[in-house]
Amino acid sequence: MRHALLLGLALACASGPLAATAPAGPPPDPTEDPMLITAGFLEHHQDMRYRLLGLEAYKAGRFEDALGFFRRAAFFADKPSQGMVAEMYWNGQGVARDPVQAYIWMDLAAERGYLGFLALRERYWKGLTEAERARVPAEGQAVFARFGDAAAKPRYEHQLRIGQREMTGSRTGFNRGVSIEIPGPEGSIAIPGTKFYDERYWDAKKYWAWQDRIWRKPRIGRVTIGEIEAVSRIPDTKPEVDAPAPEVAPTPR
């Protein structure tokens, strides 16, 4: 299963430039644009930043680091990273194998109804014993309180607002007419504000709509309708928006 999810993550990262040819389609993936990364774009998009770091560490076999990075991305509402945390618990990579935590994290990844994650969640459920299933509600509430959308989306949206203000020095938002200057091999390079400040990267509602468009249809494995139980088995819990972020390995600034 882990290879299917990793393939899905790779496809998601590679889909942006192709999608950009259609005006009404999703914006290009900023993680594929070296100029945006150099300009500090990922500093204000912690989901993308730590998902990329997690993938790099995972492919290098640094599983403990990868798990930490995916958990940090998950803290900022990144559903594919939540799915990778689940896979690593299921396979015992970078952590002791724990099928219950694997199920909980995949349930978290499936929170928005993305079919690929729902299908993987149900496969996990079939692999749990009755004793393990009994642990899911209580242990799941602790995870959802910190990482569920009710907590993670508001903290991510707060980061977007901070990023807008820091980039322009204004409380009122950003100016698409402003160019971003970054150092290049032969002097400074200007990135148009229309690219850096595409509202679909900064407006919360449009950002979540973009994520939905990427992940709504399965990119991981095959989905059979009979496999899917749409409702979470974990009771609602009070969100902990101000919970501390998971620790990660040192990263270059």
Protein backbone atom coordinates (compact mmCIF):
# COMPACT_ATOMS: atom_id res chain seq x y z
CA MET A 1 0.00 0.00 0.00
CA ARG A 2 2.79 2.42 0.78
CA HIS A 3 4.04 2.36 -2.82
CA ALA A 4 0.58 3.34 -4.09
CA LEU A 5 0.37 6.29 -1.72
CA LEU A 6 3.88 7.48 -2.56
CA LEU A 7 2.96 7.29 -6.25
CA GLY A 8 -0.13 9.36 -5.53
CA LEU A 9 1.99 12.00 -3.79
CA ALA A 10 4.39 12.11 -6.73
CA LEU A 11 1.53 12.47 -9.20
CA ALA A 12 0.04 15.30 -7.16
CA CYS A 13 3.34 17.19 -7.23
CA ALA A 14 3.75 16.64 -10.96
CA SER A 15 0.20 17.59 -11.93
CA GLY A 16 0.56 21.35 -11.54
CA PRO A 17 2.34 22.49 -14.74
CA LEU A 18 -0.06 20.49 -16.91
CA ALA A 19 -3.11 21.81 -15.12
CA ALA A 20 -1.89 25.37 -15.61
CA THR A 21 -2.74 25.26 -19.31
CA ALA A 22 -6.44 25.55 -18.48
CA PRO A 23 -7.43 28.98 -17.11
CA ALA A 24 -10.22 27.53 -14.95
CA GLY A 25 -8.08 24.67 -13.67
CA PRO A 26 -6.05 24.49 -10.49
CA PRO A 27 -2.94 26.69 -10.23
CA PRO A 28 0.46 25.12 -10.93
CA ASP A 29 2.09 23.32 -8.05
CA PRO A 30 4.45 25.87 -6.42
CA THR A 31 6.73 23.09 -5.21
CA GLU A 32 7.67 22.52 -8.86
CA ASP A 33 8.84 26.11 -9.31
CA PRO A 34 12.40 26.72 -7.98
CA MET A 35 11.91 30.51 -8.10
CA LEU A 36 8.89 30.39 -5.80
CA ILE A 37 10.73 28.15 -3.36
CA THR A 38 13.75 30.47 -3.38
CA ALA A 39 11.46 33.45 -2.79
CA GLY A 40 10.29 31.93 0.49
CA PHE A 41 6.89 30.75 -0.70
CA LEU A 42 7.09 27.53 1.31
CA GLU A 43 7.88 29.44 4.50
CA HIS A 44 4.22 30.43 4.57
CA HIS A 45 2.87 27.11 3.26
CA GLN A 46 4.00 24.71 5.95
CA ASP A 47 1.93 21.84 4.58
CA MET A 48 3.83 21.81 1.29
CA ARG A 49 7.19 22.53 2.89
CA TYR A 50 7.13 19.66 5.33
CA ARG A 51 5.49 17.24 2.89
CA LEU A 52 8.43 17.82 0.52
CA LEU A 53 10.93 17.37 3.35
CA GLY A 54 9.12 14.20 4.39
CA LEU A 55 9.26 12.75 0.89
CA GLU A 56 12.96 13.56 0.59
CA ALA A 57 13.74 11.93 3.93
CA TYR A 58 11.56 8.91 3.15
CA LYS A 59 13.23 8.28 -0.21
CA ALA A 60 16.62 8.57 1.50
CA GLY A 61 15.62 5.92 4.04
CA ARG A 62 15.60 8.40 6.96
CA PHE A 63 12.26 7.14 8.20
CA GLU A 64 12.26 8.73 11.66
CA ASP A 65 12.94 12.14 10.13
CA ALA A 66 10.33 11.51 7.44
CA LEU A 67 7.69 10.64 10.03
CA GLY A 68 8.43 13.86 11.93
CA PHE A 69 8.17 15.96 8.76
CA PHE A 70 4.91 14.30 7.70
CA ARG A 71 3.47 14.86 11.18
CA ARG A 72 4.42 18.56 10.99
CA ALA A 73 2.75 18.86 7.57
CA ALA A 74 -0.25 17.01 9.01
CA PHE A 75 -0.42 19.60 11.80
CA PHE A 76 -1.15 22.14 9.04
CA ALA A 77 -4.02 20.12 7.53
CA ASP A 78 -2.05 18.23 4.85
CA LYS A 79 -4.13 15.15 4.07
CA PRO A 80 -1.54 13.26 1.98
CA SER A 81 1.00 13.65 4.78
CA GLN A 82 -1.55 12.30 7.24
CA GLY A 83 -1.91 9.34 4.93
CA MET A 84 1.86 8.81 4.91
CA VAL A 85 1.93 8.86 8.72
CA ALA A 86 -0.72 6.12 8.60
CA GLU A 87 1.32 4.03 6.16
CA MET A 88 4.43 4.34 8.28
CA TYR A 89 2.58 3.20 11.39
CA TRP A 90 1.09 0.31 9.42
CA ASN A 91 4.49 -0.79 8.12
CA GLY A 92 6.54 0.08 11.20
CA GLN A 93 8.80 2.55 9.43
CA GLY A 94 10.50 5.04 11.71
CA VAL A 95 8.21 3.94 14.54
CA ALA A 96 7.04 0.72 16.19
CA ARG A 97 4.29 -0.89 14.11
CA ASP A 98 0.87 0.15 15.44
CA PRO A 99 -2.15 -0.84 13.31
CA VAL A 100 -4.52 1.14 15.54
CA GLN A 101 -2.62 4.40 15.05
CA ALA A 102 -2.33 3.57 11.36
CA TYR A 103 -6.10 3.27 11.08
CA ILE A 104 -6.66 6.50 13.05
CA TRP A 105 -4.29 8.49 10.85
CA MET A 106 -5.83 7.11 7.67
CA ASP A 107 -9.27 8.00 9.02
CA LEU A 108 -7.87 11.49 9.54
CA ALA A 109 -6.56 11.58 5.96
CA ALA A 110 -10.02 10.52 4.76
CA GLU A 111 -11.76 13.24 6.79
CA ARG A 112 -12.76 15.26 3.70
CA GLY A 113 -14.12 12.25 1.88
CA TYR A 114 -11.22 11.73 -0.55
CA LEU A 115 -11.98 8.32 -2.02
CA GLY A 116 -8.42 7.01 -2.21
CA PHE A 117 -7.86 7.55 1.50
CA LEU A 118 -11.31 6.19 2.38
CA ALA A 119 -10.51 2.96 0.54
CA LEU A 120 -7.16 2.55 2.32
CA ARG A 121 -8.84 3.27 5.65
CA GLU A 122 -11.34 0.47 5.10
CA ARG A 123 -8.58 -1.97 4.20
CA TYR A 124 -6.87 -1.09 7.46
CA TRP A 125 -10.12 -1.64 9.37
CA LYS A 126 -10.44 -5.13 7.94
CA GLY A 127 -6.93 -5.87 9.21
CA LEU A 128 -7.66 -4.91 12.84
CA THR A 129 -8.63 -7.38 15.54
CA GLU A 130 -11.71 -6.74 17.67
CA ALA A 131 -9.47 -5.67 20.56
CA GLU A 132 -7.67 -3.20 18.29
CA ARG A 133 -10.95 -1.83 16.96
CA ALA A 134 -12.08 -1.17 20.51
CA ARG A 135 -9.09 1.15 21.01
CA VAL A 136 -9.91 3.35 18.02
CA PRO A 137 -12.52 5.78 19.45
CA ALA A 138 -10.56 6.97 22.49
CA GLU A 139 -7.13 7.01 20.87
CA GLY A 140 -8.58 8.57 17.75
CA GLN A 141 -10.06 11.52 19.60
CA ALA A 142 -6.61 12.51 20.89
CA VAL A 143 -5.24 12.59 17.34
CA PHE A 144 -8.24 14.39 15.84
CA ALA A 145 -8.13 17.03 18.58
CA ARG A 146 -4.67 18.17 17.39
CA PHE A 147 -4.63 17.24 13.70
CA GLY A 148 -8.27 17.22 12.55
CA ASP A 149 -9.52 19.93 10.19
CA ALA A 150 -11.38 21.70 13.01
CA ALA A 151 -7.99 22.48 14.57
CA ALA A 152 -5.58 22.34 11.64
CA LYS A 153 -7.45 24.50 9.12
CA PRO A 154 -7.76 27.56 11.40
CA ARG A 155 -4.07 27.42 12.35
CA TYR A 156 -3.08 27.08 8.68
CA GLU A 157 -5.33 29.96 7.66
CA HIS A 158 -3.69 32.04 10.40
CA GLN A 159 -0.30 31.29 8.83
CA LEU A 160 -1.57 32.39 5.43
CA ARG A 161 -2.66 35.73 6.87
CA ILE A 162 0.71 36.19 8.56
CA GLY A 163 2.45 35.46 5.28
CA GLN A 164 0.39 38.03 3.44
CA ARG A 165 1.22 40.72 5.98
CA GLU A 166 4.92 39.89 6.16
CA MET A 167 5.31 39.98 2.39
CA THR A 168 3.74 43.40 2.02
CA GLY A 169 4.09 45.04 5.44
CA SER A 170 0.38 45.76 5.41
CA ARG A 171 -2.51 44.57 7.53
CA THR A 172 -4.84 44.80 4.56
CA GLY A 173 -3.28 41.96 2.58
CA PHE A 174 -1.05 41.75 -0.48
CA ASN A 175 -0.61 43.63 -3.72
CA ARG A 176 -0.57 41.49 -6.85
CA GLY A 177 1.25 44.30 -8.64
CA VAL A 178 4.29 43.96 -6.36
CA SER A 179 7.26 42.03 -7.76
CA ILE A 180 9.29 39.73 -5.51
CA GLU A 181 13.07 40.12 -5.93
CA ILE A 182 15.30 37.08 -5.38
CA PRO A 183 19.06 36.72 -5.99
CA GLY A 184 20.11 35.01 -9.20
CA PRO A 185 23.44 33.96 -10.74
CA GLU A 186 23.70 37.23 -12.65
CA GLY A 187 21.82 39.60 -10.36
CA SER A 188 18.32 39.82 -8.98
CA ILE A 189 15.35 38.04 -10.55
CA ALA A 190 11.83 39.46 -10.31
CA ILE A 191 8.86 37.15 -9.80
CA PRO A 192 5.57 38.80 -10.80
CA GLY A 193 3.17 39.32 -7.93
CA THR A 194 0.40 37.80 -10.05
CA LYS A 195 2.28 34.50 -9.85
CA PHE A 196 3.50 34.60 -6.26
CA TYR A 197 0.23 35.98 -4.93
CA ASP A 198 -2.17 33.86 -6.97
CA GLU A 199 -5.21 34.07 -4.70
CA ARG A 200 -5.73 30.34 -4.89
CA TYR A 201 -2.55 29.94 -2.83
CA TRP A 202 -3.53 32.54 -0.21
CA ASP A 203 -7.32 32.75 -0.01
CA ALA A 204 -8.28 29.97 2.39
CA LYS A 205 -11.53 28.94 0.70
CA LYS A 206 -9.90 28.81 -2.73
CA TYR A 207 -6.87 27.01 -1.34
CA TRP A 208 -8.98 24.26 0.20
CA ALA A 209 -10.98 24.01 -3.05
CA TRP A 210 -7.70 23.51 -4.92
CA GLN A 211 -6.70 20.74 -2.51
CA ASP A 212 -10.11 19.11 -2.93
CA ARG A 213 -9.73 19.14 -6.69
CA ILE A 214 -6.34 17.43 -6.49
CA TRP A 215 -7.32 14.71 -4.01
CA ARG A 216 -11.08 14.22 -4.46
CA LYS A 217 -10.68 11.43 -7.00
CA PRO A 218 -8.47 8.48 -6.12
CA ARG A 219 -4.81 8.68 -7.11
CA ILE A 220 -3.95 5.66 -4.99
CA GLY A 221 -5.07 2.17 -5.91
CA ARG A 222 -8.54 1.17 -7.05
CA VAL A 223 -11.70 2.03 -5.20
CA THR A 224 -14.77 -0.21 -5.03
CA ILE A 225 -17.92 1.40 -3.66
CA GLY A 226 -18.54 -1.60 -1.43
CA GLU A 227 -15.20 -0.99 0.32
CA ILE A 228 -16.14 2.41 1.63
CA GLU A 229 -17.78 3.37 4.90
CA ALA A 230 -18.13 7.15 4.56
CA VAL A 231 -18.66 7.94 8.25
CA SER A 232 -15.71 8.12 10.63
CA ARG A 233 -15.68 5.65 13.52
CA ILE A 234 -14.08 8.26 15.78
CA PRO A 235 -16.41 10.48 17.86
CA ASP A 236 -16.21 14.26 17.54
CA THR A 237 -13.87 15.98 19.96
CA LYS A 238 -12.97 19.52 20.94
CA PRO A 239 -10.29 20.92 18.58
CA GLU A 240 -6.97 22.02 20.06
CA VAL A 241 -6.10 24.84 17.67
CA ASP A 242 -3.29 26.11 19.92
CA ALA A 243 -1.67 22.70 20.46
CA PRO A 244 2.14 22.65 20.09
CA ALA A 245 3.53 21.67 16.70
CA PRO A 246 5.28 18.29 16.45
CA GLU A 247 9.06 18.44 16.68
CA VAL A 248 11.10 17.82 13.55
CA ALA A 249 14.74 17.27 12.62
CA PRO A 250 16.75 20.43 11.87
CA THR A 251 16.25 21.75 8.35
CA PRO A 252 18.13 24.29 6.24
CA ARG A 253 16.58 27.77 6.36
